[in-house]
Structure formats: C-alpha cells, structure tokens
Amino acid sequence: MPTRLCSSCSAPLPSNSNLCEYCGCYTPLDLISQNLEILPDQEETRYCPHCEVPMESISVLEDEPIVIERCPQCYGFWFDKFELNLLLNRLVKDPTINVKNIDIGNMEEIDFTKKVQYISCPVCSSKMQRRNYGYKSGVVFDLCNEHGIYLDCGELHHLLLWKKNGGEELQRLHEQKMEKIRRNPIPVPVSRSRAHYHGRYNGYEGLGLIGTILRMLIFH
C-alpha cells in the first residue's frame, strides 16, 4: 500500500490511522477518488458523536447521488438506514474472492491500539451498539437500530477493500457452513458407564440417603 501523507504537514501517516502523529491533524481517507459536493446546511443538524461539532452533508456520485453526513474534523461518516449498503453496491462492481488480500488489508487498516468507546446516535442521542460488519471484514461499526450507522474515518475505505475482494461472498459461504452445522450437529458420545448403569440408577431412588450414596459410588 502506498504511504499515506498528512494533508496538513505531509508527514507519513500511521498505516492504520488518519491522525498525524506530528501535527495532530486528521486526513480524509475515504472516497478520495470520488467527486464530493458539500451541500448547504440542512434543516436537521447532526453532531459528530466524537467531536461534537455539526456534521456536513455531502453528495457522493454524480449519477443518482447519495447524500451522507461527514464530520469536518475527524472525517467520520454517518449513514442513514440502508445508505451504506447502497453506496458499497454502487462503488464496487464484480468483486473477486481473495482471502489473502482481505487478511493483508485487515493488518494494514485495523488500529489494534484503539480503545473501545460507546458513542451516541447523532439523531436520537441514545447509545449505539458495536457490531462486526461481516465475516473477516475487520470493521466494528456503531449501530443505532432506528436510525443508521456511524463509521470512523478509514472504515469505509476498509469495507470497500473487503467487498472488492469478495468479502460478501465469503460471508454468504460462512453463513451456509454455520447453518449446515446447526442442522446437522455432531453427536456427542455418551459415556458407556452411564448408559450401562442407567437402568440401575433408577433402582436406588427409593432408598433415600443410602440410595444417594450408592449412586455417587457408581456414577462418580
């Protein structure tokens, strides 16, 4: 992967972060090859759950544009319901399964030093859930069941790499495998001694304390 440079001071960025270690500025990493249009202020202002500043509305894709929210400071994204899947499907065509590239991408994109933090929904202010996006995706996103999804800067780029390298197909195959295991569970072998003495076990039930002691001697 080419070295990423800070958009403010041009210093090299850490491989798994958009925060410059030298000047402390954030650099946008997502959708940098797209023509993004910043729209006028919307009627409903949403605030970044990290920076607590108003998010800006941006239009993605000139043909049938999708409008999403982005923080002007940390460059995190807010997606209303269904917008993230719609954008991923529009940007990635004809993915091919490449597990090696997915694993390499996870090593380069995941910030293993990042602290777990539960943030609030920009719409209703309730605490969001943390969910794994998909099998081997390496992205844990913040979800409000009622309103949408928040992605930190770089996570959208990470998901695009995952999808391009067949991540959704891997997810489907993994779910099929798990469903097969659920329908055809591996039988657990029964201990011969317990099965052999099962009939005798019931014979001691009416002997009170003596029966309990005999059962303990036989089965333990």
C-alpha atoms as a PDB file:
ATOM      1  CA  MET A   1       0.000   0.000   0.000  1.00  0.00           C
ATOM      2  CA  PRO A   2       1.383   3.471  -0.882  1.00  0.00           C
ATOM      3  CA  THR A   3       2.472   5.621   2.045  1.00  0.00           C
ATOM      4  CA  ARG A   4      -0.308   7.916   3.198  1.00  0.00           C
ATOM      5  CA  LEU A   5       0.659  11.511   3.862  1.00  0.00           C
ATOM      6  CA  CYS A   6      -0.889  14.008   6.217  1.00  0.00           C
ATOM      7  CA  SER A   7      -2.944  16.552   4.265  1.00  0.00           C
ATOM      8  CA  SER A   8      -1.720  19.299   6.606  1.00  0.00           C
ATOM      9  CA  CYS A   9       2.038  18.768   7.080  1.00  0.00           C
ATOM     10  CA  SER A  10       2.777  15.975   4.536  1.00  0.00           C
ATOM     11  CA  ALA A  11       4.289  13.706   7.209  1.00  0.00           C
ATOM     12  CA  PRO A  12       3.695   9.954   6.754  1.00  0.00           C
ATOM     13  CA  LEU A  13       0.563   8.710   8.496  1.00  0.00           C
ATOM     14  CA  PRO A  14       0.422   5.527  10.579  1.00  0.00           C
ATOM     15  CA  SER A  15      -0.722   2.593   8.421  1.00  0.00           C
ATOM     16  CA  ASN A  16      -3.905   2.142  10.454  1.00  0.00           C
ATOM     17  CA  SER A  17      -4.868   5.697  11.364  1.00  0.00           C
ATOM     18  CA  ASN A  18      -5.706   9.056   9.793  1.00  0.00           C
ATOM     19  CA  LEU A  19      -4.398  11.035  12.774  1.00  0.00           C
ATOM     20  CA  CYS A  20      -0.988  12.594  12.148  1.00  0.00           C
ATOM     21  CA  GLU A  21       1.493  11.890  14.935  1.00  0.00           C
ATOM     22  CA  TYR A  22       3.417  15.072  14.108  1.00  0.00           C
ATOM     23  CA  CYS A  23       0.864  17.870  13.764  1.00  0.00           C
ATOM     24  CA  GLY A  24      -2.212  16.228  15.307  1.00  0.00           C
ATOM     25  CA  CYS A  25      -4.426  16.843  12.258  1.00  0.00           C
ATOM     26  CA  TYR A  26      -6.809  14.350  10.644  1.00  0.00           C
ATOM     27  CA  THR A  27      -6.621  13.435   6.972  1.00  0.00           C
ATOM     28  CA  PRO A  28      -9.622  12.198   4.949  1.00  0.00           C
ATOM     29  CA  LEU A  29      -9.035   8.639   3.753  1.00  0.00           C
ATOM     30  CA  ASP A  30     -12.447   7.682   2.382  1.00  0.00           C
ATOM     31  CA  LEU A  31     -13.900   8.441  -1.038  1.00  0.00           C
ATOM     32  CA  ILE A  32     -10.824  10.457  -2.027  1.00  0.00           C
ATOM     33  CA  SER A  33     -11.213   9.330  -5.652  1.00  0.00           C
ATOM     34  CA  GLN A  34     -14.850  10.494  -5.754  1.00  0.00           C
ATOM     35  CA  ASN A  35     -16.170  13.914  -6.615  1.00  0.00           C
ATOM     36  CA  LEU A  36     -17.701  15.028  -3.336  1.00  0.00           C
ATOM     37  CA  GLU A  37     -20.001  18.020  -3.164  1.00  0.00           C
ATOM     38  CA  ILE A  38     -20.524  19.733   0.181  1.00  0.00           C
ATOM     39  CA  LEU A  39     -24.167  20.762   0.392  1.00  0.00           C
ATOM     40  CA  PRO A  40     -25.661  23.825   2.105  1.00  0.00           C
ATOM     41  CA  ASP A  41     -26.661  23.422   5.739  1.00  0.00           C
ATOM     42  CA  GLN A  42     -29.587  21.048   6.132  1.00  0.00           C
ATOM     43  CA  GLU A  43     -32.710  21.656   8.203  1.00  0.00           C
ATOM     44  CA  GLU A  44     -31.756  18.925  10.661  1.00  0.00           C
ATOM     45  CA  THR A  45     -28.258  19.393  12.097  1.00  0.00           C
ATOM     46  CA  ARG A  46     -26.451  16.278  13.251  1.00  0.00           C
ATOM     47  CA  TYR A  47     -23.427  16.374  15.503  1.00  0.00           C
ATOM     48  CA  CYS A  48     -20.370  14.134  15.324  1.00  0.00           C
ATOM     49  CA  PRO A  49     -20.503  11.694  18.262  1.00  0.00           C
ATOM     50  CA  HIS A  50     -16.731  12.087  18.731  1.00  0.00           C
ATOM     51  CA  CYS A  51     -16.025  15.769  18.079  1.00  0.00           C
ATOM     52  CA  GLU A  52     -19.464  17.161  18.982  1.00  0.00           C
ATOM     53  CA  VAL A  53     -19.390  19.559  16.027  1.00  0.00           C
ATOM     54  CA  PRO A  54     -22.051  19.858  13.297  1.00  0.00           C
ATOM     55  CA  MET A  55     -21.572  17.317  10.525  1.00  0.00           C
ATOM     56  CA  GLU A  56     -21.621  18.487   6.913  1.00  0.00           C
ATOM     57  CA  SER A  57     -23.861  16.900   4.290  1.00  0.00           C
ATOM     58  CA  ILE A  58     -22.001  15.676   1.221  1.00  0.00           C
ATOM     59  CA  SER A  59     -23.247  14.309  -2.072  1.00  0.00           C
ATOM     60  CA  VAL A  60     -21.496  11.186  -3.404  1.00  0.00           C
ATOM     61  CA  LEU A  61     -21.715  10.021  -7.036  1.00  0.00           C
ATOM     62  CA  GLU A  62     -22.860  12.392  -9.749  1.00  0.00           C
ATOM     63  CA  ASP A  63     -25.254   9.866 -11.268  1.00  0.00           C
ATOM     64  CA  GLU A  64     -28.100   9.315  -8.775  1.00  0.00           C
ATOM     65  CA  PRO A  65     -26.206  10.929  -5.878  1.00  0.00           C
ATOM     66  CA  ILE A  66     -26.334   9.637  -2.304  1.00  0.00           C
ATOM     67  CA  VAL A  67     -26.299  12.229   0.475  1.00  0.00           C
ATOM     68  CA  ILE A  68     -24.453  11.272   3.678  1.00  0.00           C
ATOM     69  CA  GLU A  69     -23.026  13.178   6.649  1.00  0.00           C
ATOM     70  CA  ARG A  70     -19.310  13.660   7.391  1.00  0.00           C
ATOM     71  CA  CYS A  71     -17.545  15.269  10.335  1.00  0.00           C
ATOM     72  CA  PRO A  72     -15.357  18.186   9.141  1.00  0.00           C
ATOM     73  CA  GLN A  73     -12.794  17.476  11.875  1.00  0.00           C
ATOM     74  CA  CYS A  74     -12.276  13.694  12.251  1.00  0.00           C
ATOM     75  CA  TYR A  75     -13.886  12.783   8.891  1.00  0.00           C
ATOM     76  CA  GLY A  76     -16.122  10.090  10.367  1.00  0.00           C
ATOM     77  CA  PHE A  77     -19.317   9.245   8.409  1.00  0.00           C
ATOM     78  CA  TRP A  78     -22.957   8.900   9.349  1.00  0.00           C
ATOM     79  CA  PHE A  79     -25.226   6.778   7.127  1.00  0.00           C
ATOM     80  CA  ASP A  80     -28.986   6.723   7.452  1.00  0.00           C
ATOM     81  CA  LYS A  81     -30.603   3.293   7.181  1.00  0.00           C
ATOM     82  CA  PHE A  82     -29.672   1.397   4.002  1.00  0.00           C
ATOM     83  CA  GLU A  83     -27.365   4.160   2.714  1.00  0.00           C
ATOM     84  CA  LEU A  84     -24.136   2.284   3.492  1.00  0.00           C
ATOM     85  CA  ASN A  85     -25.141  -0.887   1.618  1.00  0.00           C
ATOM     86  CA  LEU A  86     -26.418   1.217  -1.262  1.00  0.00           C
ATOM     87  CA  LEU A  87     -23.123   3.101  -1.507  1.00  0.00           C
ATOM     88  CA  LEU A  88     -20.990  -0.065  -1.288  1.00  0.00           C
ATOM     89  CA  ASN A  89     -23.029  -1.737  -4.015  1.00  0.00           C
ATOM     90  CA  ARG A  90     -22.744   1.327  -6.245  1.00  0.00           C
ATOM     91  CA  LEU A  91     -18.960   1.676  -5.798  1.00  0.00           C
ATOM     92  CA  VAL A  92     -17.915  -1.990  -6.071  1.00  0.00           C
ATOM     93  CA  LYS A  93     -18.719  -3.985  -9.180  1.00  0.00           C
ATOM     94  CA  ASP A  94     -17.759  -7.617  -9.910  1.00  0.00           C
ATOM     95  CA  PRO A  95     -15.875  -8.470  -6.687  1.00  0.00           C
ATOM     96  CA  THR A  96     -13.495 -11.449  -6.698  1.00  0.00           C
ATOM     97  CA  ILE A  97     -12.710 -13.582  -3.649  1.00  0.00           C
ATOM     98  CA  ASN A  98      -9.136 -13.024  -2.477  1.00  0.00           C
ATOM     99  CA  VAL A  99      -8.710 -14.057   1.160  1.00  0.00           C
ATOM    100  CA  LYS A 100      -5.020 -13.114   1.176  1.00  0.00           C
ATOM    101  CA  ASN A 101      -5.805  -9.505   0.214  1.00  0.00           C
ATOM    102  CA  ILE A 102      -8.528  -9.353   2.871  1.00  0.00           C
ATOM    103  CA  ASP A 103      -6.093 -10.535   5.541  1.00  0.00           C
ATOM    104  CA  ILE A 104      -3.425  -8.062   4.389  1.00  0.00           C
ATOM    105  CA  GLY A 105      -5.991  -5.279   4.377  1.00  0.00           C
ATOM    106  CA  ASN A 106      -7.038  -6.112   7.928  1.00  0.00           C
ATOM    107  CA  MET A 107      -3.444  -5.977   9.151  1.00  0.00           C
ATOM    108  CA  GLU A 108      -2.912  -2.586   7.470  1.00  0.00           C
ATOM    109  CA  GLU A 109      -6.260  -0.995   8.288  1.00  0.00           C
ATOM    110  CA  ILE A 110      -7.145  -2.144  11.823  1.00  0.00           C
ATOM    111  CA  ASP A 111      -5.936   0.064  14.668  1.00  0.00           C
ATOM    112  CA  PHE A 112      -5.252  -2.536  17.362  1.00  0.00           C
ATOM    113  CA  THR A 113      -4.442   0.195  19.905  1.00  0.00           C
ATOM    114  CA  LYS A 114      -7.834   1.865  19.526  1.00  0.00           C
ATOM    115  CA  LYS A 115      -9.828   1.949  22.747  1.00  0.00           C
ATOM    116  CA  VAL A 116     -13.379   0.621  22.745  1.00  0.00           C
ATOM    117  CA  GLN A 117     -15.807   3.505  23.112  1.00  0.00           C
ATOM    118  CA  TYR A 118     -19.596   3.517  23.034  1.00  0.00           C
ATOM    119  CA  ILE A 119     -20.873   6.619  21.273  1.00  0.00           C
ATOM    120  CA  SER A 120     -24.284   8.230  20.885  1.00  0.00           C
ATOM    121  CA  CYS A 121     -26.505   8.278  17.814  1.00  0.00           C
ATOM    122  CA  PRO A 122     -26.355  11.686  16.044  1.00  0.00           C
ATOM    123  CA  VAL A 123     -30.140  11.548  15.562  1.00  0.00           C
ATOM    124  CA  CYS A 124     -31.643  10.351  18.872  1.00  0.00           C
ATOM    125  CA  SER A 125     -28.596  10.577  21.219  1.00  0.00           C
ATOM    126  CA  SER A 126     -29.097   7.024  22.512  1.00  0.00           C
ATOM    127  CA  LYS A 127     -26.021   4.828  22.976  1.00  0.00           C
ATOM    128  CA  MET A 128     -25.262   2.779  19.893  1.00  0.00           C
ATOM    129  CA  GLN A 129     -24.319  -0.887  19.684  1.00  0.00           C
ATOM    130  CA  ARG A 130     -20.980  -2.107  18.366  1.00  0.00           C
ATOM    131  CA  ARG A 131     -21.313  -4.708  15.616  1.00  0.00           C
ATOM    132  CA  ASN A 132     -18.934  -6.633  13.378  1.00  0.00           C
ATOM    133  CA  TYR A 133     -19.856  -5.733   9.796  1.00  0.00           C
ATOM    134  CA  GLY A 134     -19.236  -9.157   8.295  1.00  0.00           C
ATOM    135  CA  TYR A 135     -17.105 -12.290   8.232  1.00  0.00           C
ATOM    136  CA  LYS A 136     -13.412 -11.306   8.083  1.00  0.00           C
ATOM    137  CA  SER A 137     -14.342  -7.660   7.430  1.00  0.00           C
ATOM    138  CA  GLY A 138     -12.238  -6.392  10.337  1.00  0.00           C
ATOM    139  CA  VAL A 139     -14.653  -3.465  10.803  1.00  0.00           C
ATOM    140  CA  VAL A 140     -16.621  -2.982  14.013  1.00  0.00           C
ATOM    141  CA  PHE A 141     -19.157  -0.221  13.413  1.00  0.00           C
ATOM    142  CA  ASP A 142     -21.565   1.716  15.626  1.00  0.00           C
ATOM    143  CA  LEU A 143     -25.243   0.950  15.057  1.00  0.00           C
ATOM    144  CA  CYS A 144     -28.486   2.640  16.006  1.00  0.00           C
ATOM    145  CA  ASN A 145     -31.261   0.180  15.112  1.00  0.00           C
ATOM    146  CA  GLU A 146     -33.685   3.010  14.498  1.00  0.00           C
ATOM    147  CA  HIS A 147     -31.585   5.470  12.513  1.00  0.00           C
ATOM    148  CA  GLY A 148     -28.356   4.201  10.963  1.00  0.00           C
ATOM    149  CA  ILE A 149     -24.613   3.523  11.118  1.00  0.00           C
ATOM    150  CA  TYR A 150     -21.552   5.539  12.096  1.00  0.00           C
ATOM    151  CA  LEU A 151     -18.109   4.717  10.657  1.00  0.00           C
ATOM    152  CA  ASP A 152     -14.832   6.178  11.854  1.00  0.00           C
ATOM    153  CA  CYS A 153     -12.538   7.652   9.216  1.00  0.00           C
ATOM    154  CA  GLY A 154     -10.866   4.894   7.189  1.00  0.00           C
ATOM    155  CA  GLU A 155     -13.500   2.259   7.932  1.00  0.00           C
ATOM    156  CA  LEU A 156     -15.435   2.976   4.740  1.00  0.00           C
ATOM    157  CA  HIS A 157     -12.226   2.528   2.733  1.00  0.00           C
ATOM    158  CA  HIS A 158     -11.629  -0.712   4.668  1.00  0.00           C
ATOM    159  CA  LEU A 159     -15.117  -2.014   3.823  1.00  0.00           C
ATOM    160  CA  LEU A 160     -14.670  -1.169   0.144  1.00  0.00           C
ATOM    161  CA  LEU A 161     -11.458  -3.249   0.076  1.00  0.00           C
ATOM    162  CA  TRP A 162     -13.260  -6.110   1.851  1.00  0.00           C
ATOM    163  CA  LYS A 163     -16.158  -6.037  -0.599  1.00  0.00           C
ATOM    164  CA  LYS A 164     -13.869  -5.731  -3.638  1.00  0.00           C
ATOM    165  CA  ASN A 165     -12.006  -8.869  -2.503  1.00  0.00           C
ATOM    166  CA  GLY A 166     -15.158 -10.956  -2.196  1.00  0.00           C
ATOM    167  CA  GLY A 167     -15.988 -10.316   1.456  1.00  0.00           C
ATOM    168  CA  GLU A 168     -19.755 -10.565   0.976  1.00  0.00           C
ATOM    169  CA  GLU A 169     -19.435 -13.872  -0.863  1.00  0.00           C
ATOM    170  CA  LEU A 170     -17.218 -15.187   1.944  1.00  0.00           C
ATOM    171  CA  GLN A 171     -19.898 -14.044   4.391  1.00  0.00           C
ATOM    172  CA  ARG A 172     -22.555 -15.977   2.461  1.00  0.00           C
ATOM    173  CA  LEU A 173     -20.428 -19.153   2.346  1.00  0.00           C
ATOM    174  CA  HIS A 174     -19.670 -18.835   6.063  1.00  0.00           C
ATOM    175  CA  GLU A 175     -23.369 -18.499   6.897  1.00  0.00           C
ATOM    176  CA  GLN A 176     -24.156 -21.574   4.784  1.00  0.00           C
ATOM    177  CA  LYS A 177     -21.492 -23.538   6.667  1.00  0.00           C
ATOM    178  CA  MET A 178     -22.856 -22.446  10.064  1.00  0.00           C
ATOM    179  CA  GLU A 179     -26.410 -23.303   9.031  1.00  0.00           C
ATOM    180  CA  LYS A 180     -25.281 -26.781   7.933  1.00  0.00           C
ATOM    181  CA  ILE A 181     -23.616 -27.324  11.310  1.00  0.00           C
ATOM    182  CA  ARG A 182     -26.788 -26.182  13.121  1.00  0.00           C
ATOM    183  CA  ARG A 183     -28.936 -28.562  11.116  1.00  0.00           C
ATOM    184  CA  ASN A 184     -26.529 -31.492  11.407  1.00  0.00           C
ATOM    185  CA  PRO A 185     -24.853 -31.189  14.817  1.00  0.00           C
ATOM    186  CA  ILE A 186     -22.022 -33.571  15.600  1.00  0.00           C
ATOM    187  CA  PRO A 187     -23.399 -36.163  18.061  1.00  0.00           C
ATOM    188  CA  VAL A 188     -21.767 -36.115  21.495  1.00  0.00           C
ATOM    189  CA  PRO A 189     -20.704 -39.643  22.564  1.00  0.00           C
ATOM    190  CA  VAL A 190     -22.462 -40.936  25.702  1.00  0.00           C
ATOM    191  CA  SER A 191     -20.311 -42.408  28.440  1.00  0.00           C
ATOM    192  CA  ARG A 192     -20.640 -46.210  28.368  1.00  0.00           C
ATOM    193  CA  SER A 193     -20.641 -46.479  32.128  1.00  0.00           C
ATOM    194  CA  ARG A 194     -23.579 -44.096  32.474  1.00  0.00           C
ATOM    195  CA  ALA A 195     -25.524 -45.755  29.681  1.00  0.00           C
ATOM    196  CA  HIS A 196     -24.736 -49.205  31.031  1.00  0.00           C
ATOM    197  CA  TYR A 197     -25.873 -48.436  34.533  1.00  0.00           C
ATOM    198  CA  HIS A 198     -28.770 -46.175  33.595  1.00  0.00           C
ATOM    199  CA  GLY A 199     -31.335 -48.847  34.484  1.00  0.00           C
ATOM    200  CA  ARG A 200     -29.712 -49.486  37.836  1.00  0.00           C
ATOM    201  CA  TYR A 201     -29.671 -45.806  38.640  1.00  0.00           C
ATOM    202  CA  ASN A 202     -33.464 -45.676  38.906  1.00  0.00           C
ATOM    203  CA  GLY A 203     -33.455 -48.637  41.217  1.00  0.00           C
ATOM    204  CA  TYR A 204     -31.839 -46.643  44.038  1.00  0.00           C
ATOM    205  CA  GLU A 205     -34.307 -43.773  44.022  1.00  0.00           C
ATOM    206  CA  GLY A 206     -36.427 -45.169  46.841  1.00  0.00           C
ATOM    207  CA  LEU A 207     -33.530 -45.842  49.230  1.00  0.00           C
ATOM    208  CA  GLY A 208     -33.116 -42.287  50.499  1.00  0.00           C
ATOM    209  CA  LEU A 209     -29.636 -41.405  51.756  1.00  0.00           C
ATOM    210  CA  ILE A 210     -28.290 -44.901  51.115  1.00  0.00           C
ATOM    211  CA  GLY A 211     -29.518 -44.698  47.519  1.00  0.00           C
ATOM    212  CA  THR A 212     -27.809 -41.339  47.068  1.00  0.00           C
ATOM    213  CA  ILE A 213     -24.516 -42.743  48.368  1.00  0.00           C
ATOM    214  CA  LEU A 214     -24.777 -45.772  46.069  1.00  0.00           C
ATOM    215  CA  ARG A 215     -25.466 -43.562  43.053  1.00  0.00           C
ATOM    216  CA  MET A 216     -22.422 -41.430  43.899  1.00  0.00           C
ATOM    217  CA  LEU A 217     -20.205 -44.512  44.158  1.00  0.00           C
ATOM    218  CA  ILE A 218     -21.378 -45.886  40.829  1.00  0.00           C
ATOM    219  CA  PHE A 219     -21.535 -42.772  38.689  1.00  0.00           C
ATOM    220  CA  HIS A 220     -18.681 -40.618  40.035  1.00  0.00           C
END
